[in-house]
Amino acid sequence: MADSTLIDTIQFGPEDAPTRKYEIYGSDEKTPTYALIYEQNGGDWRKRDETLSFAVKEEQEEAASTMDYGTSDSLPELRDLNAEARERCEQHWRNSSQR
C-alpha cells in the first residue's frame, strides 16, 4: 500500500453532509486495487478498520497467463476499471447502510 496512487475520492449521503467516503487507490491511475473507507464522526472523517478490495490485480495476472500470444498489448482496454471500482463502492455503501 505504500506505493499506491490515490485515484478517486467519492462521498455518499446527503449532498450537504455526506456520511461516508471512499478513497480509491491503485498501483497507477488506471488500476484500482482497494478503497479505504471513512465515516463522518462529529465533523471529522474517521477511517474504518475495513478495506474494500478489488480483484483487478488477480484478474490481470490471470489474463496475462492465459493470453500469452502477444495480442493483449495491441488490444484496447475494454473495461473501465475506475468506473467499476466506483460502482463497487456505491454497492458497498448501499448494502452497509441498509443494515
Protein backbone atom coordinates (compact mmCIF):
# COMPACT_ATOMS: atom_id res chain seq x y z
CA MET A 1 0.00 0.00 0.00
CA ALA A 2 2.97 2.33 0.42
CA ASP A 3 3.45 2.83 -3.34
CA SER A 4 -0.24 3.32 -4.06
CA THR A 5 -1.70 6.23 -6.01
CA LEU A 6 -4.92 7.96 -4.96
CA ILE A 7 -7.23 7.54 -7.96
CA ASP A 8 -10.53 8.95 -6.75
CA THR A 9 -12.48 10.01 -3.67
CA ILE A 10 -16.24 9.57 -3.64
CA GLN A 11 -18.71 10.52 -0.93
CA PHE A 12 -22.17 9.19 -0.11
CA GLY A 13 -25.02 10.53 1.97
CA PRO A 14 -26.92 13.82 1.85
CA GLU A 15 -25.38 16.28 -0.61
CA ASP A 16 -24.66 18.94 2.00
CA ALA A 17 -23.48 16.46 4.68
CA PRO A 18 -22.02 13.20 3.32
CA THR A 19 -21.76 10.43 5.89
CA ARG A 20 -19.21 8.15 4.22
CA LYS A 21 -16.35 8.48 1.77
CA TYR A 22 -14.22 6.02 -0.13
CA GLU A 23 -10.66 6.77 -1.23
CA ILE A 24 -9.80 4.51 -4.16
CA TYR A 25 -6.12 3.60 -4.56
CA GLY A 26 -4.17 1.60 -7.11
CA SER A 27 -0.72 0.85 -8.44
CA ASP A 28 -1.36 3.55 -11.08
CA GLU A 29 -4.22 5.88 -12.02
CA LYS A 30 -5.87 3.24 -14.26
CA THR A 31 -5.72 0.19 -11.99
CA PRO A 32 -7.76 0.47 -8.77
CA THR A 33 -6.93 -2.24 -6.24
CA TYR A 34 -8.56 -1.15 -2.95
CA ALA A 35 -10.54 1.57 -1.22
CA LEU A 36 -10.14 2.98 2.27
CA ILE A 37 -13.45 3.70 3.97
CA TYR A 38 -14.10 6.72 6.17
CA GLU A 39 -17.18 7.74 8.14
CA GLN A 40 -18.22 11.18 9.32
CA ASN A 41 -17.87 11.45 13.08
CA GLY A 42 -18.62 14.80 14.70
CA GLY A 43 -17.37 16.78 11.73
CA ASP A 44 -14.20 14.71 11.28
CA TRP A 45 -13.59 11.78 8.97
CA ARG A 46 -12.66 8.61 10.85
CA LYS A 47 -11.07 5.68 8.99
CA ARG A 48 -12.87 2.38 9.41
CA ASP A 49 -10.96 -0.84 10.07
CA GLU A 50 -12.50 -2.23 6.89
CA THR A 51 -10.88 -2.02 3.44
CA LEU A 52 -12.73 -2.73 0.20
CA SER A 53 -10.55 -4.79 -2.17
CA PHE A 54 -10.93 -5.04 -5.92
CA ALA A 55 -9.80 -8.19 -7.77
CA VAL A 56 -8.18 -6.21 -10.57
CA LYS A 57 -4.61 -7.35 -9.90
CA GLU A 58 -5.59 -11.03 -9.76
CA GLU A 59 -7.67 -10.66 -12.93
CA GLN A 60 -4.76 -9.04 -14.76
CA GLU A 61 -2.35 -11.78 -13.70
CA GLU A 62 -4.83 -14.45 -14.79
CA ALA A 63 -5.41 -12.74 -18.14
CA ALA A 64 -1.67 -12.39 -18.72
CA SER A 65 -1.11 -16.09 -18.11
CA THR A 66 -3.96 -17.18 -20.41
CA MET A 67 -3.27 -14.66 -23.19
CA ASP A 68 0.35 -15.44 -23.89
CA TYR A 69 0.09 -14.75 -27.63
CA GLY A 70 1.33 -11.15 -27.67
CA THR A 71 -2.05 -9.76 -28.74
CA SER A 72 -3.00 -8.33 -25.37
CA ASP A 73 -0.71 -5.31 -25.81
CA SER A 74 -2.39 -4.20 -29.04
CA LEU A 75 -5.98 -4.73 -27.89
CA PRO A 76 -7.82 -1.71 -26.45
CA GLU A 77 -8.88 -1.84 -22.83
CA LEU A 78 -12.49 -2.95 -22.90
CA ARG A 79 -13.34 -2.28 -19.26
CA ASP A 80 -13.45 0.95 -17.33
CA LEU A 81 -11.87 -0.30 -14.10
CA ASN A 82 -12.23 3.05 -12.34
CA ALA A 83 -15.98 3.10 -13.04
CA GLU A 84 -16.26 -0.48 -11.79
CA ALA A 85 -14.44 0.48 -8.57
CA ARG A 86 -16.80 3.43 -8.02
CA GLU A 87 -19.79 1.11 -8.59
CA ARG A 88 -18.40 -1.39 -6.07
CA CYS A 89 -18.02 1.42 -3.51
CA GLU A 90 -21.60 2.52 -4.10
CA GLN A 91 -22.86 -1.06 -3.75
CA HIS A 92 -20.89 -1.43 -0.52
CA TRP A 93 -22.34 1.81 0.84
CA ARG A 94 -25.90 0.81 -0.10
CA ASN A 95 -25.53 -2.68 1.41
CA SER A 96 -23.96 -1.44 4.65
CA SER A 97 -26.43 1.43 5.10
CA GLN A 98 -29.37 -0.99 4.91
CA ARG A 99 -28.18 -2.96 7.95
